[in-house]
Amino acid sequence: HISRRPRPEGLTPGPAHPWASAPAPRAGQMDALLLQRFHPEEYHRRFLADGVRPDGRAPATRRPSRLQPAALAAAFGSASVRLGGSSAVAGVRAECTEASPELPALGHVTTTVELPPLCSSAFRDRHVAAGTSTFLASALNDVLNSPHVLDAAQLHIREGELYWTLHVHVVCLNYDGNAFDLCVLAALAALEDTLLPALGEGSAAPSEGAGPLRLVALPTGSPGAVSEARQLLLKSRPLPVTFARLPGDVWVLDPSAGEEALGASVSLCLVGGRWLVYHRGGGATAERFLSELMPLARGSVPALAELLDGARRAAALAGGKL
């Protein structure tokens, strides 16, 4: 027989520890968590057998997305984008560049992509972050400088002498997959938000032999401007669509980070009516590509265009332009 020790007078039971009142995971929940962590391929395979992904989406369904132009007040143009759990912000800095014999007077876009460790533990490895950033920046430079997208004549300041160079900087704030679509949409929306200022010659001339007069930004409509203020207009919109291959040879649209980690991915970008293809870790067979992925990519175009158009309409209403 064990007797209970009497409680000293004047003492009352203290609050239970939060863990003591928390319900213990049920056996089925614990099994699913262990399966997801240690056997992610089998975990996804069981969901896909029922035609859904672990987050509840069908293979051909994109995540909820949101886009906001003019996200940074100090930039010439900017935008923020959210695709599911992934988010990024892009800003544009316009630089007046002087032509040289080694550098033709042709306006262009330069892009950098930053994937800080805080956005995802996957980028704590500097080599992984640098490799992914380089791949994304190279793809963005190809896409945004395409003659089907950028009209370089809009960037002329003085024909053959001075031109604008647009520096687009994309920073990933949170990463849960599909960096390609995220960065392309952020950079594209920031460029569509870009307003190039009017330029005029500064009041103070440089010392003798130092070159032309310094150019300064002027208020819109100022007399004597060397270059008038203008909104950057793109010839066409490059629209990105990314797929990932999951166990069972199932290709899914707009993959999360967990899905991307399971296999190859393919990113497409519609440029001037033609699709550019970027592979990471492999790709689909030609037959599968043409019969399944291309129709899904084409079907995604209207929703992406509406995402950009809807954000611009909302920004125009907020600014009193409509």
C-alpha atoms as a PDB file:
ATOM      1  CA  HIS A   1       0.000   0.000   0.000  1.00  0.00           C
ATOM      2  CA  ILE A   2       1.355   3.478  -1.004  1.00  0.00           C
ATOM      3  CA  SER A   3      -0.142   6.465   0.697  1.00  0.00           C
ATOM      4  CA  ARG A   4      -0.263   9.921  -0.981  1.00  0.00           C
ATOM      5  CA  ARG A   5       1.927  12.497   0.696  1.00  0.00           C
ATOM      6  CA  PRO A   6      -0.221  15.282   2.138  1.00  0.00           C
ATOM      7  CA  ARG A   7       0.141  18.720   0.533  1.00  0.00           C
ATOM      8  CA  PRO A   8       1.486  21.394   2.897  1.00  0.00           C
ATOM      9  CA  GLU A   9      -1.136  23.845   4.051  1.00  0.00           C
ATOM     10  CA  GLY A  10      -1.398  27.093   2.104  1.00  0.00           C
ATOM     11  CA  LEU A  11      -0.113  25.632  -1.175  1.00  0.00           C
ATOM     12  CA  THR A  12      -2.291  25.156  -4.215  1.00  0.00           C
ATOM     13  CA  PRO A  13      -1.486  23.212  -7.354  1.00  0.00           C
ATOM     14  CA  GLY A  14       0.475  25.313  -9.864  1.00  0.00           C
ATOM     15  CA  PRO A  15      -0.457  25.609 -13.551  1.00  0.00           C
ATOM     16  CA  ALA A  16       0.376  22.600 -15.611  1.00  0.00           C
ATOM     17  CA  HIS A  17       3.298  22.895 -18.043  1.00  0.00           C
ATOM     18  CA  PRO A  18       2.017  23.678 -21.572  1.00  0.00           C
ATOM     19  CA  TRP A  19       3.496  20.445 -22.851  1.00  0.00           C
ATOM     20  CA  ALA A  20       1.563  18.494 -20.236  1.00  0.00           C
ATOM     21  CA  SER A  21      -1.771  19.680 -21.654  1.00  0.00           C
ATOM     22  CA  ALA A  22      -0.823  19.393 -25.348  1.00  0.00           C
ATOM     23  CA  PRO A  23      -2.444  16.404 -27.032  1.00  0.00           C
ATOM     24  CA  ALA A  24      -0.019  13.747 -28.113  1.00  0.00           C
ATOM     25  CA  PRO A  25       0.175  13.072 -31.862  1.00  0.00           C
ATOM     26  CA  ARG A  26      -1.991  10.196 -32.920  1.00  0.00           C
ATOM     27  CA  ALA A  27      -0.331   7.138 -34.330  1.00  0.00           C
ATOM     28  CA  GLY A  28      -1.419   7.917 -37.889  1.00  0.00           C
ATOM     29  CA  GLN A  29      -0.128  11.491 -37.678  1.00  0.00           C
ATOM     30  CA  MET A  30       3.209  10.341 -36.289  1.00  0.00           C
ATOM     31  CA  ASP A  31       3.565   7.757 -39.036  1.00  0.00           C
ATOM     32  CA  ALA A  32       2.904  10.412 -41.693  1.00  0.00           C
ATOM     33  CA  LEU A  33       5.458  12.811 -40.190  1.00  0.00           C
ATOM     34  CA  LEU A  34       8.107  10.101 -40.037  1.00  0.00           C
ATOM     35  CA  LEU A  35       7.343   8.988 -43.572  1.00  0.00           C
ATOM     36  CA  GLN A  36       7.599  12.577 -44.869  1.00  0.00           C
ATOM     37  CA  ARG A  37      10.946  13.111 -43.161  1.00  0.00           C
ATOM     38  CA  PHE A  38      12.708   9.842 -43.823  1.00  0.00           C
ATOM     39  CA  HIS A  39      10.975   8.578 -46.984  1.00  0.00           C
ATOM     40  CA  PRO A  40       9.744  11.681 -48.857  1.00  0.00           C
ATOM     41  CA  GLU A  41       9.484   9.811 -52.180  1.00  0.00           C
ATOM     42  CA  GLU A  42       7.046   7.270 -50.744  1.00  0.00           C
ATOM     43  CA  TYR A  43       5.209  10.030 -48.896  1.00  0.00           C
ATOM     44  CA  HIS A  44       4.546  11.923 -52.138  1.00  0.00           C
ATOM     45  CA  ARG A  45       3.843   8.736 -54.079  1.00  0.00           C
ATOM     46  CA  ARG A  46       0.946   7.846 -51.760  1.00  0.00           C
ATOM     47  CA  PHE A  47      -0.657  11.253 -52.246  1.00  0.00           C
ATOM     48  CA  LEU A  48      -0.156  11.219 -56.010  1.00  0.00           C
ATOM     49  CA  ALA A  49      -1.836   7.811 -56.209  1.00  0.00           C
ATOM     50  CA  ASP A  50      -5.034   9.687 -55.275  1.00  0.00           C
ATOM     51  CA  GLY A  51      -4.370  12.479 -57.788  1.00  0.00           C
ATOM     52  CA  VAL A  52      -3.359  15.132 -55.239  1.00  0.00           C
ATOM     53  CA  ARG A  53      -0.179  16.573 -53.788  1.00  0.00           C
ATOM     54  CA  PRO A  54       0.578  16.816 -50.058  1.00  0.00           C
ATOM     55  CA  ASP A  55      -0.599  20.459 -49.975  1.00  0.00           C
ATOM     56  CA  GLY A  56      -3.933  19.474 -51.533  1.00  0.00           C
ATOM     57  CA  ARG A  57      -3.267  20.749 -55.053  1.00  0.00           C
ATOM     58  CA  ALA A  58      -3.807  18.781 -58.214  1.00  0.00           C
ATOM     59  CA  PRO A  59      -0.631  18.231 -60.295  1.00  0.00           C
ATOM     60  CA  ALA A  60      -1.580  21.020 -62.738  1.00  0.00           C
ATOM     61  CA  THR A  61      -2.614  23.623 -60.135  1.00  0.00           C
ATOM     62  CA  ARG A  62      -0.573  26.682 -59.204  1.00  0.00           C
ATOM     63  CA  ARG A  63      -0.320  28.093 -55.713  1.00  0.00           C
ATOM     64  CA  PRO A  64      -2.120  31.326 -54.741  1.00  0.00           C
ATOM     65  CA  SER A  65      -0.090  34.294 -55.954  1.00  0.00           C
ATOM     66  CA  ARG A  66       0.045  38.008 -55.278  1.00  0.00           C
ATOM     67  CA  LEU A  67       1.952  40.859 -56.923  1.00  0.00           C
ATOM     68  CA  GLN A  68       2.410  44.450 -55.771  1.00  0.00           C
ATOM     69  CA  PRO A  69       4.169  47.079 -57.893  1.00  0.00           C
ATOM     70  CA  ALA A  70       5.923  50.121 -56.397  1.00  0.00           C
ATOM     71  CA  ALA A  71       7.044  48.143 -53.355  1.00  0.00           C
ATOM     72  CA  LEU A  72      10.201  50.241 -52.777  1.00  0.00           C
ATOM     73  CA  ALA A  73       9.920  54.024 -52.611  1.00  0.00           C
ATOM     74  CA  ALA A  74      13.587  54.760 -53.356  1.00  0.00           C
ATOM     75  CA  ALA A  75      13.832  52.686 -56.547  1.00  0.00           C
ATOM     76  CA  PHE A  76      13.160  53.816 -60.134  1.00  0.00           C
ATOM     77  CA  GLY A  77      10.808  50.829 -60.319  1.00  0.00           C
ATOM     78  CA  SER A  78      10.029  47.953 -57.984  1.00  0.00           C
ATOM     79  CA  ALA A  79       7.649  45.123 -57.203  1.00  0.00           C
ATOM     80  CA  SER A  80       7.068  42.357 -54.680  1.00  0.00           C
ATOM     81  CA  VAL A  81       5.769  38.903 -55.580  1.00  0.00           C
ATOM     82  CA  ARG A  82       4.442  36.001 -53.543  1.00  0.00           C
ATOM     83  CA  LEU A  83       3.934  32.489 -54.929  1.00  0.00           C
ATOM     84  CA  GLY A  84       2.544  30.330 -52.148  1.00  0.00           C
ATOM     85  CA  GLY A  85       5.230  30.333 -49.458  1.00  0.00           C
ATOM     86  CA  SER A  86       7.874  31.922 -51.711  1.00  0.00           C
ATOM     87  CA  SER A  87       8.256  35.706 -51.797  1.00  0.00           C
ATOM     88  CA  ALA A  88      10.711  38.154 -53.345  1.00  0.00           C
ATOM     89  CA  VAL A  89      11.167  41.861 -53.959  1.00  0.00           C
ATOM     90  CA  ALA A  90      12.862  43.464 -56.973  1.00  0.00           C
ATOM     91  CA  GLY A  91      14.169  46.989 -57.430  1.00  0.00           C
ATOM     92  CA  VAL A  92      15.488  48.839 -60.483  1.00  0.00           C
ATOM     93  CA  ARG A  93      18.343  51.335 -60.408  1.00  0.00           C
ATOM     94  CA  ALA A  94      18.888  53.374 -63.583  1.00  0.00           C
ATOM     95  CA  GLU A  95      22.443  54.513 -64.329  1.00  0.00           C
ATOM     96  CA  CYS A  96      23.469  57.046 -66.969  1.00  0.00           C
ATOM     97  CA  THR A  97      26.322  55.390 -68.894  1.00  0.00           C
ATOM     98  CA  GLU A  98      28.766  56.990 -71.327  1.00  0.00           C
ATOM     99  CA  ALA A  99      29.649  55.118 -74.503  1.00  0.00           C
ATOM    100  CA  SER A 100      33.233  54.114 -75.151  1.00  0.00           C
ATOM    101  CA  PRO A 101      35.088  52.331 -77.976  1.00  0.00           C
ATOM    102  CA  GLU A 102      34.950  49.134 -75.929  1.00  0.00           C
ATOM    103  CA  LEU A 103      31.340  49.658 -74.870  1.00  0.00           C
ATOM    104  CA  PRO A 104      28.750  50.401 -77.579  1.00  0.00           C
ATOM    105  CA  ALA A 105      26.018  52.913 -76.817  1.00  0.00           C
ATOM    106  CA  LEU A 106      23.290  50.341 -76.312  1.00  0.00           C
ATOM    107  CA  GLY A 107      21.000  50.416 -73.310  1.00  0.00           C
ATOM    108  CA  HIS A 108      20.557  47.105 -71.530  1.00  0.00           C
ATOM    109  CA  VAL A 109      19.480  45.356 -68.331  1.00  0.00           C
ATOM    110  CA  THR A 110      21.822  43.746 -65.823  1.00  0.00           C
ATOM    111  CA  THR A 111      20.371  41.437 -63.193  1.00  0.00           C
ATOM    112  CA  THR A 112      21.543  40.141 -59.840  1.00  0.00           C
ATOM    113  CA  VAL A 113      19.686  37.646 -57.651  1.00  0.00           C
ATOM    114  CA  GLU A 114      20.266  37.350 -53.917  1.00  0.00           C
ATOM    115  CA  LEU A 115      19.303  34.214 -51.970  1.00  0.00           C
ATOM    116  CA  PRO A 116      20.228  34.960 -48.347  1.00  0.00           C
ATOM    117  CA  PRO A 117      20.440  32.164 -45.759  1.00  0.00           C
ATOM    118  CA  LEU A 118      17.514  33.707 -43.882  1.00  0.00           C
ATOM    119  CA  CYS A 119      15.112  32.967 -46.733  1.00  0.00           C
ATOM    120  CA  SER A 120      15.745  29.219 -46.521  1.00  0.00           C
ATOM    121  CA  SER A 121      18.073  26.793 -44.772  1.00  0.00           C
ATOM    122  CA  ALA A 122      18.785  25.362 -48.247  1.00  0.00           C
ATOM    123  CA  PHE A 123      20.938  28.431 -48.960  1.00  0.00           C
ATOM    124  CA  ARG A 124      23.101  28.271 -45.851  1.00  0.00           C
ATOM    125  CA  ASP A 125      25.584  26.491 -48.079  1.00  0.00           C
ATOM    126  CA  ARG A 126      27.281  29.347 -49.937  1.00  0.00           C
ATOM    127  CA  HIS A 127      28.071  27.171 -52.949  1.00  0.00           C
ATOM    128  CA  VAL A 128      24.417  26.174 -53.367  1.00  0.00           C
ATOM    129  CA  ALA A 129      23.258  29.781 -53.005  1.00  0.00           C
ATOM    130  CA  ALA A 130      25.905  31.091 -55.415  1.00  0.00           C
ATOM    131  CA  GLY A 131      25.182  28.428 -58.031  1.00  0.00           C
ATOM    132  CA  THR A 132      21.429  29.019 -57.933  1.00  0.00           C
ATOM    133  CA  SER A 133      21.859  32.813 -57.991  1.00  0.00           C
ATOM    134  CA  THR A 134      24.190  32.625 -60.982  1.00  0.00           C
ATOM    135  CA  PHE A 135      21.799  30.379 -62.905  1.00  0.00           C
ATOM    136  CA  LEU A 136      18.830  32.680 -62.213  1.00  0.00           C
ATOM    137  CA  ALA A 137      20.724  35.904 -63.003  1.00  0.00           C
ATOM    138  CA  SER A 138      22.024  34.460 -66.281  1.00  0.00           C
ATOM    139  CA  ALA A 139      18.529  33.352 -67.319  1.00  0.00           C
ATOM    140  CA  LEU A 140      17.060  36.747 -66.407  1.00  0.00           C
ATOM    141  CA  ASN A 141      19.729  38.587 -68.397  1.00  0.00           C
ATOM    142  CA  ASP A 142      18.981  36.431 -71.450  1.00  0.00           C
ATOM    143  CA  VAL A 143      15.236  36.899 -71.160  1.00  0.00           C
ATOM    144  CA  LEU A 144      15.071  40.601 -70.284  1.00  0.00           C
ATOM    145  CA  ASN A 145      17.594  41.698 -72.923  1.00  0.00           C
ATOM    146  CA  SER A 146      15.872  39.765 -75.688  1.00  0.00           C
ATOM    147  CA  PRO A 147      14.968  42.068 -78.602  1.00  0.00           C
ATOM    148  CA  HIS A 148      11.453  40.643 -78.284  1.00  0.00           C
ATOM    149  CA  VAL A 149      11.216  42.070 -74.739  1.00  0.00           C
ATOM    150  CA  LEU A 150      13.400  45.193 -74.439  1.00  0.00           C
ATOM    151  CA  ASP A 151      13.360  48.107 -76.864  1.00  0.00           C
ATOM    152  CA  ALA A 152      16.918  49.391 -76.382  1.00  0.00           C
ATOM    153  CA  ALA A 153      16.059  52.621 -78.214  1.00  0.00           C
ATOM    154  CA  GLN A 154      13.984  53.669 -75.182  1.00  0.00           C
ATOM    155  CA  LEU A 155      17.199  53.774 -73.159  1.00  0.00           C
ATOM    156  CA  HIS A 156      19.002  56.277 -75.401  1.00  0.00           C
ATOM    157  CA  ILE A 157      19.825  59.618 -73.769  1.00  0.00           C
ATOM    158  CA  ARG A 158      22.111  61.092 -76.411  1.00  0.00           C
ATOM    159  CA  GLU A 159      22.336  59.037 -79.560  1.00  0.00           C
ATOM    160  CA  GLY A 160      25.701  57.326 -79.709  1.00  0.00           C
ATOM    161  CA  GLU A 161      26.965  59.043 -76.530  1.00  0.00           C
ATOM    162  CA  LEU A 162      24.853  58.364 -73.433  1.00  0.00           C
ATOM    163  CA  TYR A 163      22.332  55.685 -72.517  1.00  0.00           C
ATOM    164  CA  TRP A 164      20.552  54.163 -69.541  1.00  0.00           C
ATOM    165  CA  THR A 165      21.739  50.938 -67.928  1.00  0.00           C
ATOM    166  CA  LEU A 166      19.037  49.327 -65.801  1.00  0.00           C
ATOM    167  CA  HIS A 167      20.280  47.341 -62.811  1.00  0.00           C
ATOM    168  CA  VAL A 168      17.621  44.929 -61.540  1.00  0.00           C
ATOM    169  CA  HIS A 169      18.274  43.459 -58.094  1.00  0.00           C
ATOM    170  CA  VAL A 170      16.034  40.616 -56.899  1.00  0.00           C
ATOM    171  CA  VAL A 171      16.101  39.532 -53.253  1.00  0.00           C
ATOM    172  CA  CYS A 172      14.327  36.384 -52.105  1.00  0.00           C
ATOM    173  CA  LEU A 173      12.595  37.044 -48.780  1.00  0.00           C
ATOM    174  CA  ASN A 174      11.226  33.563 -48.189  1.00  0.00           C
ATOM    175  CA  TYR A 175      11.809  30.429 -50.235  1.00  0.00           C
ATOM    176  CA  ASP A 176       9.449  27.516 -50.703  1.00  0.00           C
ATOM    177  CA  GLY A 177      10.269  26.470 -54.254  1.00  0.00           C
ATOM    178  CA  ASN A 178      10.012  27.764 -57.833  1.00  0.00           C
ATOM    179  CA  ALA A 179      12.674  30.462 -57.698  1.00  0.00           C
ATOM    180  CA  PHE A 180      12.620  30.799 -61.503  1.00  0.00           C
ATOM    181  CA  ASP A 181       8.999  31.953 -61.788  1.00  0.00           C
ATOM    182  CA  LEU A 182       9.362  34.050 -58.640  1.00  0.00           C
ATOM    183  CA  CYS A 183      12.401  35.991 -59.887  1.00  0.00           C
ATOM    184  CA  VAL A 184      11.182  36.433 -63.464  1.00  0.00           C
ATOM    185  CA  LEU A 185       7.817  37.814 -62.312  1.00  0.00           C
ATOM    186  CA  ALA A 186       9.441  40.116 -59.737  1.00  0.00           C
ATOM    187  CA  ALA A 187      11.961  41.507 -62.251  1.00  0.00           C
ATOM    188  CA  LEU A 188       9.316  41.857 -64.965  1.00  0.00           C
ATOM    189  CA  ALA A 189       6.875  43.715 -62.697  1.00  0.00           C
ATOM    190  CA  ALA A 190       9.661  46.000 -61.446  1.00  0.00           C
ATOM    191  CA  LEU A 191      10.644  46.926 -65.019  1.00  0.00           C
ATOM    192  CA  GLU A 192       7.024  47.624 -65.931  1.00  0.00           C
ATOM    193  CA  ASP A 193       6.930  49.961 -62.920  1.00  0.00           C
ATOM    194  CA  THR A 194      10.114  51.802 -63.963  1.00  0.00           C
ATOM    195  CA  LEU A 195       9.953  55.541 -64.643  1.00  0.00           C
ATOM    196  CA  LEU A 196      13.110  57.075 -66.129  1.00  0.00           C
ATOM    197  CA  PRO A 197      13.577  60.697 -65.003  1.00  0.00           C
ATOM    198  CA  ALA A 198      14.132  63.739 -67.183  1.00  0.00           C
ATOM    199  CA  LEU A 199      17.786  64.745 -67.412  1.00  0.00           C
ATOM    200  CA  GLY A 200      19.414  68.124 -67.858  1.00  0.00           C
ATOM    201  CA  GLU A 201      22.915  69.539 -67.758  1.00  0.00           C
ATOM    202  CA  GLY A 202      24.150  70.474 -64.313  1.00  0.00           C
ATOM    203  CA  SER A 203      24.906  74.090 -63.433  1.00  0.00           C
ATOM    204  CA  ALA A 204      28.554  73.389 -62.669  1.00  0.00           C
ATOM    205  CA  ALA A 205      30.852  72.295 -65.473  1.00  0.00           C
ATOM    206  CA  PRO A 206      33.678  69.880 -64.723  1.00  0.00           C
ATOM    207  CA  SER A 207      37.324  70.924 -64.907  1.00  0.00           C
ATOM    208  CA  GLU A 208      38.927  71.360 -68.302  1.00  0.00           C
ATOM    209  CA  GLY A 209      39.419  68.101 -70.132  1.00  0.00           C
ATOM    210  CA  ALA A 210      37.127  66.162 -67.799  1.00  0.00           C
ATOM    211  CA  GLY A 211      34.491  65.419 -70.438  1.00  0.00           C
ATOM    212  CA  PRO A 212      30.878  66.533 -70.942  1.00  0.00           C
ATOM    213  CA  LEU A 213      28.760  68.458 -68.463  1.00  0.00           C
ATOM    214  CA  ARG A 214      27.296  66.488 -65.568  1.00  0.00           C
ATOM    215  CA  LEU A 215      23.666  65.429 -66.078  1.00  0.00           C
ATOM    216  CA  VAL A 216      21.174  65.753 -63.252  1.00  0.00           C
ATOM    217  CA  ALA A 217      17.577  64.602 -62.809  1.00  0.00           C
ATOM    218  CA  LEU A 218      14.959  67.288 -63.485  1.00  0.00           C
ATOM    219  CA  PRO A 219      11.272  67.545 -62.616  1.00  0.00           C
ATOM    220  CA  THR A 220       9.007  66.263 -65.365  1.00  0.00           C
ATOM    221  CA  GLY A 221       8.261  68.973 -67.938  1.00  0.00           C
ATOM    222  CA  SER A 222      11.305  71.112 -67.137  1.00  0.00           C
ATOM    223  CA  PRO A 223      12.560  73.226 -70.081  1.00  0.00           C
ATOM    224  CA  GLY A 224      15.939  72.447 -71.598  1.00  0.00           C
ATOM    225  CA  ALA A 225      15.902  68.764 -70.707  1.00  0.00           C
ATOM    226  CA  VAL A 226      18.432  66.643 -72.566  1.00  0.00           C
ATOM    227  CA  SER A 227      16.225  63.576 -72.094  1.00  0.00           C
ATOM    228  CA  GLU A 228      12.518  63.620 -71.236  1.00  0.00           C
ATOM    229  CA  ALA A 229      10.999  61.514 -68.463  1.00  0.00           C
ATOM    230  CA  ARG A 230       9.458  58.316 -69.767  1.00  0.00           C
ATOM    231  CA  GLN A 231       7.757  55.188 -68.532  1.00  0.00           C
ATOM    232  CA  LEU A 232       9.602  52.064 -69.629  1.00  0.00           C
ATOM    233  CA  LEU A 233       7.505  50.050 -72.064  1.00  0.00           C
ATOM    234  CA  LEU A 234       8.356  46.457 -72.893  1.00  0.00           C
ATOM    235  CA  LYS A 235       7.660  44.955 -76.300  1.00  0.00           C
ATOM    236  CA  SER A 236       6.277  41.790 -74.741  1.00  0.00           C
ATOM    237  CA  ARG A 237       6.079  40.059 -71.382  1.00  0.00           C
ATOM    238  CA  PRO A 238       8.279  37.045 -70.697  1.00  0.00           C
ATOM    239  CA  LEU A 239       6.015  34.671 -68.768  1.00  0.00           C
ATOM    240  CA  PRO A 240       7.570  31.793 -66.768  1.00  0.00           C
ATOM    241  CA  VAL A 241       6.183  28.308 -66.057  1.00  0.00           C
ATOM    242  CA  THR A 242       8.096  25.718 -64.003  1.00  0.00           C
ATOM    243  CA  PHE A 243       7.510  21.973 -63.545  1.00  0.00           C
ATOM    244  CA  ALA A 244       9.086  19.364 -61.276  1.00  0.00           C
ATOM    245  CA  ARG A 245       9.143  15.587 -61.651  1.00  0.00           C
ATOM    246  CA  LEU A 246       7.853  13.633 -58.661  1.00  0.00           C
ATOM    247  CA  PRO A 247       7.999   9.884 -57.915  1.00  0.00           C
ATOM    248  CA  GLY A 248       6.031   7.819 -60.385  1.00  0.00           C
ATOM    249  CA  ASP A 249       7.157  10.099 -63.249  1.00  0.00           C
ATOM    250  CA  VAL A 250       4.446  12.630 -62.420  1.00  0.00           C
ATOM    251  CA  TRP A 251       5.174  16.213 -63.501  1.00  0.00           C
ATOM    252  CA  VAL A 252       3.654  18.955 -61.345  1.00  0.00           C
ATOM    253  CA  LEU A 253       3.210  22.680 -61.943  1.00  0.00           C
ATOM    254  CA  ASP A 254       4.661  25.388 -59.671  1.00  0.00           C
ATOM    255  CA  PRO A 255       6.586  23.036 -57.347  1.00  0.00           C
ATOM    256  CA  SER A 256       7.233  23.675 -53.671  1.00  0.00           C
ATOM    257  CA  ALA A 257      10.733  23.316 -52.209  1.00  0.00           C
ATOM    258  CA  GLY A 258       9.943  19.828 -50.955  1.00  0.00           C
ATOM    259  CA  GLU A 259       8.781  18.758 -54.406  1.00  0.00           C
ATOM    260  CA  GLU A 260      11.807  20.270 -56.157  1.00  0.00           C
ATOM    261  CA  ALA A 261      14.130  18.296 -53.895  1.00  0.00           C
ATOM    262  CA  LEU A 262      12.766  14.992 -55.216  1.00  0.00           C
ATOM    263  CA  GLY A 263      13.908  15.188 -58.829  1.00  0.00           C
ATOM    264  CA  ALA A 264      14.458  17.154 -61.995  1.00  0.00           C
ATOM    265  CA  SER A 265      12.806  20.451 -62.841  1.00  0.00           C
ATOM    266  CA  VAL A 266      12.119  22.241 -66.116  1.00  0.00           C
ATOM    267  CA  SER A 267      11.441  25.968 -66.446  1.00  0.00           C
ATOM    268  CA  LEU A 268       9.874  27.455 -69.558  1.00  0.00           C
ATOM    269  CA  CYS A 269       9.658  31.130 -70.450  1.00  0.00           C
ATOM    270  CA  LEU A 270       7.471  32.567 -73.187  1.00  0.00           C
ATOM    271  CA  VAL A 271       9.527  35.186 -75.055  1.00  0.00           C
ATOM    272  CA  GLY A 272       8.226  36.757 -78.237  1.00  0.00           C
ATOM    273  CA  GLY A 273       5.792  33.919 -78.897  1.00  0.00           C
ATOM    274  CA  ARG A 274       8.449  31.213 -78.463  1.00  0.00           C
ATOM    275  CA  TRP A 275       9.275  29.094 -75.425  1.00  0.00           C
ATOM    276  CA  LEU A 276      12.776  29.120 -73.964  1.00  0.00           C
ATOM    277  CA  VAL A 277      13.645  26.007 -71.957  1.00  0.00           C
ATOM    278  CA  TYR A 278      15.856  25.870 -68.863  1.00  0.00           C
ATOM    279  CA  HIS A 279      16.691  22.501 -67.274  1.00  0.00           C
ATOM    280  CA  ARG A 280      17.915  21.852 -63.757  1.00  0.00           C
ATOM    281  CA  GLY A 281      18.813  18.251 -63.009  1.00  0.00           C
ATOM    282  CA  GLY A 282      17.338  16.685 -66.142  1.00  0.00           C
ATOM    283  CA  GLY A 283      14.198  16.957 -68.203  1.00  0.00           C
ATOM    284  CA  ALA A 284      11.188  15.249 -69.686  1.00  0.00           C
ATOM    285  CA  THR A 285      11.265  13.141 -72.812  1.00  0.00           C
ATOM    286  CA  ALA A 286      10.426  14.949 -76.033  1.00  0.00           C
ATOM    287  CA  GLU A 287       7.088  13.141 -76.324  1.00  0.00           C
ATOM    288  CA  ARG A 288       6.119  13.911 -72.733  1.00  0.00           C
ATOM    289  CA  PHE A 289       7.279  17.483 -73.118  1.00  0.00           C
ATOM    290  CA  LEU A 290       5.181  18.153 -76.188  1.00  0.00           C
ATOM    291  CA  SER A 291       2.088  16.188 -75.185  1.00  0.00           C
ATOM    292  CA  GLU A 292       1.799  17.186 -71.515  1.00  0.00           C
ATOM    293  CA  LEU A 293       4.035  20.032 -70.371  1.00  0.00           C
ATOM    294  CA  MET A 294       3.620  22.412 -73.291  1.00  0.00           C
ATOM    295  CA  PRO A 295      -0.199  22.420 -73.154  1.00  0.00           C
ATOM    296  CA  LEU A 296      -0.052  23.077 -69.398  1.00  0.00           C
ATOM    297  CA  ALA A 297       2.440  25.904 -69.957  1.00  0.00           C
ATOM    298  CA  ARG A 298       0.245  27.521 -72.603  1.00  0.00           C
ATOM    299  CA  GLY A 299      -2.752  27.169 -70.315  1.00  0.00           C
ATOM    300  CA  SER A 300      -0.917  29.073 -67.557  1.00  0.00           C
ATOM    301  CA  VAL A 301      -0.312  32.177 -69.678  1.00  0.00           C
ATOM    302  CA  PRO A 302      -3.719  33.880 -69.161  1.00  0.00           C
ATOM    303  CA  ALA A 303      -3.515  33.580 -65.365  1.00  0.00           C
ATOM    304  CA  LEU A 304       0.017  35.015 -65.289  1.00  0.00           C
ATOM    305  CA  ALA A 305      -0.958  37.903 -67.554  1.00  0.00           C
ATOM    306  CA  GLU A 306      -3.961  38.646 -65.354  1.00  0.00           C
ATOM    307  CA  LEU A 307      -1.743  38.605 -62.262  1.00  0.00           C
ATOM    308  CA  LEU A 308       0.381  41.386 -63.789  1.00  0.00           C
ATOM    309  CA  ASP A 309      -2.564  43.312 -65.243  1.00  0.00           C
ATOM    310  CA  GLY A 310      -4.574  43.105 -62.030  1.00  0.00           C
ATOM    311  CA  ALA A 311      -1.690  44.456 -59.982  1.00  0.00           C
ATOM    312  CA  ARG A 312      -1.208  47.370 -62.373  1.00  0.00           C
ATOM    313  CA  ARG A 313      -4.928  48.209 -62.310  1.00  0.00           C
ATOM    314  CA  ALA A 314      -4.940  48.157 -58.517  1.00  0.00           C
ATOM    315  CA  ALA A 315      -1.858  50.375 -58.366  1.00  0.00           C
ATOM    316  CA  ALA A 316      -3.375  52.819 -60.862  1.00  0.00           C
ATOM    317  CA  LEU A 317      -6.596  53.050 -58.848  1.00  0.00           C
ATOM    318  CA  ALA A 318      -4.663  53.606 -55.631  1.00  0.00           C
ATOM    319  CA  GLY A 319      -2.664  56.377 -57.323  1.00  0.00           C
ATOM    320  CA  GLY A 320      -5.743  58.037 -58.771  1.00  0.00           C
ATOM    321  CA  LYS A 321      -4.745  57.360 -62.375  1.00  0.00           C
ATOM    322  CA  LEU A 322      -8.034  55.697 -63.313  1.00  0.00           C
END
